[in-house]
C-alpha cells in the first residue's frame, strides 16, 4: 500500500526481501494509474527524465517506455539492494537508456539539466517535501516539468464497512504518522508543488476497486501491516496478538468475502507543474 520511493534514512518499511517482493506486487497494482498520470503530465518521446527514489526501478522503466530510446532516464536511490535488482532488470530487458545512481535524493545534483523530474511515493517519506522539490527544481531546465505521484491513504476504505480491514487501515495510518511519514500527502500534492514555486500546477487522482473475494485485497493490506508491525508494536498501536500476523491476509479476505465488500485502496494522486522559464 505504500512506497516505491525510497530514502533509507526515512523509509520506515525496511529493505528485506519480503519488503522488496511487496514493492513488486504494489507496483504491479498501480502501474496503470502511474502510466496515465505520467502521460497526463506530458512525458513524451526524446525527453531526459530523473526518477527520484527509484527503488526497484518500476517508474524509471515506465518513463523509459514513454520517452523511448531517443530519450534517457536516470533513477536515484540510496538502497544498494534495490538498485542491484533494478540494474539487472534493465540489463536483461536491453533498456540501456535507463540507468541508476546510488545517492541521497535530498542532496543529489545533476551534471546537466533534465526535461522532467518525477517522484512516486517519495515525498510521502520526507520530512520537508517542499524543500526536496525546490532542490530538484535545480535539476530541471527552465520551463521543465516536475511531477509527483503519491498515495492518499485517507481515502482507503471498505464498502460496506468490514471491521478487521478498517482496523488494519487505522493501524497503518497511525504507524506511518508516528514514524514521521505523511499518509494523506497525495491530497496535498498540488498545494505543495505550488508552494515550492512551480507554475501551472495540475492534479488529479485515480482509485481502484478490489472486488469481494479477490485475494489481492487481503494480501495488499496484510503485507503493509506486516512490514509496519515493528512500528505498530513499539508505539503501542496494537499487540502482536491483536494483529495475528500469521493469518491476517486470510482473515481480511474472509471478512471481505462474507460481507460482500469492496476494498478501495489508497488513491494514487498525481500533480505536476512547470519551472519558471525565466529561472536561472
Protein backbone atom coordinates (compact mmCIF):
# COMPACT_ATOMS: atom_id res chain seq x y z
CA UNK A 1 0.00 0.00 0.00
CA UNK A 2 2.89 2.33 0.13
CA UNK A 3 6.07 3.17 -1.11
CA UNK A 4 8.16 2.73 -4.09
CA UNK A 5 10.03 5.93 -3.48
CA UNK A 6 12.86 5.36 -1.08
CA UNK A 7 15.44 7.13 1.03
CA UNK A 8 16.89 4.69 3.52
CA UNK A 9 17.25 7.33 6.24
CA UNK A 10 13.49 7.93 6.15
CA UNK A 11 11.99 4.74 4.72
CA UNK A 12 10.10 3.09 7.58
CA UNK A 13 9.19 -0.16 5.77
CA UNK A 14 12.70 -1.63 5.53
CA UNK A 15 14.78 -3.29 2.81
CA UNK A 16 14.47 -7.03 3.42
CA UNK A 17 13.50 -9.46 0.63
CA UNK A 18 9.87 -9.65 1.79
CA UNK A 19 9.57 -5.87 1.54
CA UNK A 20 11.14 -5.81 -1.94
CA UNK A 21 8.66 -8.51 -3.01
CA UNK A 22 5.82 -6.41 -1.56
CA UNK A 23 7.02 -3.42 -3.57
CA UNK A 24 6.89 -5.51 -6.75
CA UNK A 25 3.27 -6.51 -6.04
CA UNK A 26 2.32 -2.93 -5.18
CA UNK A 27 3.98 -1.60 -8.33
CA UNK A 28 2.00 -4.03 -10.47
CA UNK A 29 -1.23 -2.85 -8.85
CA UNK A 30 -0.55 0.84 -9.51
CA UNK A 31 1.28 0.57 -12.84
CA UNK A 32 -1.72 1.68 -14.92
CA UNK A 33 -2.56 4.80 -12.87
CA UNK A 34 1.14 5.70 -12.77
CA UNK A 35 1.40 5.46 -16.55
CA UNK A 36 -1.79 7.51 -17.03
CA UNK A 37 -0.57 10.24 -14.68
CA UNK A 38 2.86 10.45 -16.32
CA UNK A 39 1.24 10.71 -19.74
CA UNK A 40 -1.18 13.38 -18.48
CA UNK A 41 1.76 15.32 -17.07
CA UNK A 42 3.38 15.39 -20.51
CA UNK A 43 6.16 12.81 -20.61
CA UNK A 44 6.96 12.04 -24.22
CA UNK A 45 9.50 10.88 -26.78
CA UNK A 46 13.08 12.05 -26.53
CA UNK A 47 12.86 13.56 -23.04
CA UNK A 48 15.52 13.23 -20.35
CA UNK A 49 13.91 12.15 -17.07
CA UNK A 50 15.18 11.95 -13.48
CA UNK A 51 13.32 9.47 -11.23
CA UNK A 52 13.63 10.21 -7.51
CA UNK A 53 13.69 7.31 -5.05
CA UNK A 54 13.60 4.82 -7.90
CA UNK A 55 13.84 1.72 -5.69
CA UNK A 56 13.43 -1.34 -7.90
CA UNK A 57 13.15 0.89 -10.98
CA UNK A 58 9.44 0.48 -11.70
CA UNK A 59 8.76 4.15 -12.51
CA UNK A 60 12.09 4.58 -14.31
CA UNK A 61 11.18 1.75 -16.66
CA UNK A 62 7.69 3.15 -17.34
CA UNK A 63 9.28 6.53 -18.05
CA UNK A 64 11.80 4.74 -20.29
CA UNK A 65 8.93 3.34 -22.39
CA UNK A 66 7.32 6.78 -22.68
CA UNK A 67 10.48 8.63 -23.73
CA UNK A 68 11.77 5.85 -25.98
CA UNK A 69 15.36 5.09 -26.84
CA UNK A 70 15.91 8.61 -28.10
CA UNK A 71 15.34 9.74 -24.51
CA UNK A 72 17.08 8.83 -21.27
CA UNK A 73 16.08 8.06 -17.69
CA UNK A 74 18.25 8.22 -14.58
CA UNK A 75 16.92 6.76 -11.33
CA UNK A 76 18.47 7.67 -7.98
CA UNK A 77 18.11 5.80 -4.70
CA UNK A 78 20.10 5.04 -1.55
CA UNK A 79 19.28 1.34 -1.39
CA UNK A 80 22.09 -0.70 -2.94
CA UNK A 81 19.94 -3.84 -2.62
CA UNK A 82 17.06 -2.34 -4.60
CA UNK A 83 19.34 -0.81 -7.24
CA UNK A 84 21.09 -4.14 -7.83
CA UNK A 85 17.71 -5.61 -8.77
CA UNK A 86 16.80 -2.58 -10.90
CA UNK A 87 20.07 -2.71 -12.84
CA UNK A 88 19.72 -6.44 -13.51
CA UNK A 89 16.19 -5.97 -14.81
CA UNK A 90 17.02 -3.19 -17.28
CA UNK A 91 20.08 -5.10 -18.46
CA UNK A 92 18.01 -8.24 -19.04
CA UNK A 93 15.41 -6.18 -20.93
CA UNK A 94 18.00 -4.38 -23.05
CA UNK A 95 16.89 -0.98 -21.76
CA UNK A 96 20.24 0.74 -22.00
CA UNK A 97 18.70 4.22 -21.91
CA UNK A 98 17.61 3.63 -18.28
CA UNK A 99 20.43 3.93 -15.73
CA UNK A 100 20.71 4.25 -11.96
CA UNK A 101 22.78 6.19 -9.42
CA UNK A 102 23.18 5.33 -5.74
CA UNK A 103 22.75 8.61 -3.89
CA UNK A 104 20.58 10.60 -1.46
CA UNK A 105 17.53 12.09 -3.21
CA UNK A 106 17.64 15.07 -0.85
CA UNK A 107 21.06 16.29 -1.97
CA UNK A 108 21.99 14.81 -5.39
CA UNK A 109 22.74 17.34 -8.13
CA UNK A 110 22.62 16.51 -11.83
CA UNK A 111 25.65 17.35 -14.01
CA UNK A 112 23.23 18.56 -16.74
CA UNK A 113 19.55 19.60 -16.52
CA UNK A 114 16.70 17.18 -17.15
CA UNK A 115 13.48 17.89 -19.01
CA UNK A 116 11.42 16.19 -16.30
CA UNK A 117 11.87 15.17 -12.68
CA UNK A 118 9.41 12.56 -11.38
CA UNK A 119 8.97 11.06 -7.94
CA UNK A 120 6.49 8.34 -6.98
CA UNK A 121 5.85 7.62 -3.30
CA UNK A 122 8.92 9.57 -2.21
CA UNK A 123 7.50 12.81 -0.78
CA UNK A 124 5.38 10.57 1.49
CA UNK A 125 8.53 9.72 3.48
CA UNK A 126 10.30 13.09 3.55
CA UNK A 127 10.07 15.46 6.50
CA UNK A 128 10.19 18.55 4.24
CA UNK A 129 8.74 17.71 0.80
CA UNK A 130 8.75 21.35 -0.35
CA UNK A 131 12.49 21.59 0.32
CA UNK A 132 13.07 18.41 -1.70
CA UNK A 133 11.10 19.82 -4.63
CA UNK A 134 12.94 23.15 -4.51
CA UNK A 135 16.23 21.28 -4.52
CA UNK A 136 15.30 19.23 -7.57
CA UNK A 137 13.96 22.23 -9.46
CA UNK A 138 17.69 22.92 -9.82
CA UNK A 139 17.93 19.66 -11.78
CA UNK A 140 15.31 20.81 -14.33
CA UNK A 141 15.89 23.23 -17.17
CA UNK A 142 13.78 26.42 -17.40
CA UNK A 143 10.25 25.53 -18.46
CA UNK A 144 10.84 21.91 -17.50
CA UNK A 145 8.45 19.68 -15.61
CA UNK A 146 8.26 18.36 -12.05
CA UNK A 147 5.77 15.52 -11.48
CA UNK A 148 4.92 13.97 -8.11
CA UNK A 149 2.83 10.83 -7.62
CA UNK A 150 1.83 9.74 -4.15
CA UNK A 151 -0.82 7.98 -2.09
CA UNK A 152 -3.73 9.44 -0.20
CA UNK A 153 -4.27 6.59 2.28
CA UNK A 154 -7.02 8.65 3.92
CA UNK A 155 -9.29 7.73 1.01
CA UNK A 156 -8.89 3.96 1.56
CA UNK A 157 -11.91 2.13 2.96
CA UNK A 158 -14.19 -0.84 2.51
CA UNK A 159 -17.74 -0.61 1.20
CA UNK A 160 -19.64 -1.71 3.18
CA UNK A 161 -17.51 -1.43 6.30
CA UNK A 162 -15.53 -4.52 7.33
CA UNK A 163 -14.22 -4.29 10.92
CA UNK A 164 -10.84 -6.03 10.51
CA UNK A 165 -9.99 -4.19 7.30
CA UNK A 166 -10.96 -0.85 8.83
CA UNK A 167 -8.92 -1.68 11.94
CA UNK A 168 -5.95 -2.60 9.75
CA UNK A 169 -6.18 0.66 7.84
CA UNK A 170 -6.22 2.53 11.15
CA UNK A 171 -3.09 0.69 12.32
CA UNK A 172 -1.34 1.58 9.05
CA UNK A 173 -2.32 5.26 9.22
CA UNK A 174 -1.23 5.63 12.83
CA UNK A 175 2.05 3.77 12.28
CA UNK A 176 3.05 5.97 9.36
CA UNK A 177 2.15 9.09 11.31
CA UNK A 178 4.20 8.18 14.40
CA UNK A 179 7.10 7.23 12.12
CA UNK A 180 7.07 10.73 10.63
CA UNK A 181 5.56 9.87 7.23
CA UNK A 182 2.59 11.67 5.63
CA UNK A 183 -0.07 9.08 4.70
CA UNK A 184 -2.50 11.70 3.32
CA UNK A 185 0.08 13.65 1.31
CA UNK A 186 -1.47 12.72 -2.04
CA UNK A 187 -4.38 15.05 -1.35
CA UNK A 188 -1.96 17.97 -0.85
CA UNK A 189 0.42 17.46 -3.76
CA UNK A 190 -0.95 20.36 -5.81
CA UNK A 191 -0.59 22.76 -2.88
CA UNK A 192 2.91 21.51 -2.08
CA UNK A 193 4.10 21.98 -5.67
CA UNK A 194 2.58 25.46 -5.80
CA UNK A 195 4.24 26.49 -2.54
CA UNK A 196 7.54 25.13 -3.88
CA UNK A 197 7.32 27.67 -6.72
CA UNK A 198 6.09 25.56 -9.65
CA UNK A 199 3.71 27.14 -12.16
CA UNK A 200 0.53 25.96 -13.90
CA UNK A 201 0.08 23.13 -11.40
CA UNK A 202 -2.50 20.46 -12.27
CA UNK A 203 -3.57 17.49 -10.16
CA UNK A 204 -5.96 14.54 -10.06
CA UNK A 205 -6.19 11.08 -8.53
CA UNK A 206 -7.11 7.54 -9.57
CA UNK A 207 -8.60 4.97 -7.19
CA UNK A 208 -9.13 1.26 -7.77
CA UNK A 209 -11.83 -1.14 -6.55
CA UNK A 210 -10.88 -4.64 -5.39
CA UNK A 211 -13.93 -6.88 -5.56
CA UNK A 212 -15.18 -9.25 -2.81
CA UNK A 213 -13.16 -12.45 -2.67
CA UNK A 214 -10.15 -11.00 -4.50
CA UNK A 215 -7.15 -12.41 -2.55
CA UNK A 216 -5.11 -9.40 -3.61
CA UNK A 217 -7.18 -7.26 -1.25
CA UNK A 218 -6.29 -9.18 1.89
CA UNK A 219 -2.69 -9.60 0.83
CA UNK A 220 -2.30 -5.92 -0.06
CA UNK A 221 -3.36 -4.72 3.37
CA UNK A 222 -1.85 -7.61 5.31
CA UNK A 223 1.58 -7.15 3.73
CA UNK A 224 1.77 -3.49 4.76
CA UNK A 225 0.68 -4.35 8.31
CA UNK A 226 3.44 -6.97 8.49
CA UNK A 227 6.05 -4.50 7.22
CA UNK A 228 4.90 -1.91 9.76
CA UNK A 229 4.45 -4.41 12.63
CA UNK A 230 7.63 -3.36 14.50
CA UNK A 231 6.45 0.27 14.48
CA UNK A 232 2.90 -0.72 15.41
CA UNK A 233 4.08 -2.74 18.42
CA UNK A 234 6.81 -0.32 19.51
CA UNK A 235 4.36 2.58 19.70
CA UNK A 236 1.59 0.61 21.40
CA UNK A 237 -0.81 0.87 18.47
CA UNK A 238 -1.58 -2.86 18.58
CA UNK A 239 -0.09 -6.02 20.07
CA UNK A 240 1.14 -9.00 18.03
CA UNK A 241 -1.84 -10.94 19.39
CA UNK A 242 -4.27 -8.29 18.19
CA UNK A 243 -2.75 -8.27 14.72
CA UNK A 244 -2.39 -12.04 14.32
CA UNK A 245 0.12 -11.59 11.51
CA UNK A 246 0.31 -15.26 10.58
CA UNK A 247 -3.33 -15.26 9.42
CA UNK A 248 -4.20 -11.63 8.82
CA UNK A 249 -4.35 -11.87 4.99
CA UNK A 250 -6.78 -14.78 5.09
CA UNK A 251 -8.94 -13.20 7.78
CA UNK A 252 -9.23 -9.90 5.89
CA UNK A 253 -10.11 -11.75 2.69
CA UNK A 254 -12.67 -13.90 4.52
CA UNK A 255 -14.38 -10.88 6.10
CA UNK A 256 -14.46 -9.01 2.79
CA UNK A 257 -15.99 -12.05 1.08
CA UNK A 258 -18.53 -12.69 3.82
CA UNK A 259 -19.54 -9.03 3.84
CA UNK A 260 -19.65 -8.83 0.01
CA UNK A 261 -17.41 -5.80 0.49
CA UNK A 262 -15.21 -3.91 -1.94
CA UNK A 263 -11.81 -2.67 -0.81
CA UNK A 264 -10.90 0.77 -2.12
CA UNK A 265 -7.09 1.01 -1.85
CA UNK A 266 -5.36 4.36 -1.41
CA UNK A 267 -5.92 6.89 -4.18
CA UNK A 268 -2.92 7.27 -6.49
CA UNK A 269 -2.62 11.05 -6.78
CA UNK A 270 -0.58 12.97 -9.29
CA UNK A 271 0.43 16.64 -9.50
CA UNK A 272 2.75 18.40 -11.90
CA UNK A 273 3.92 21.89 -12.70
CA UNK A 274 6.45 23.82 -14.74
CA UNK A 275 9.65 25.52 -13.68
CA UNK A 276 9.65 29.25 -14.36
CA UNK A 277 11.10 29.79 -17.84
CA UNK A 278 12.88 32.92 -16.59
CA UNK A 279 14.63 30.96 -13.82
CA UNK A 280 18.43 30.94 -13.71
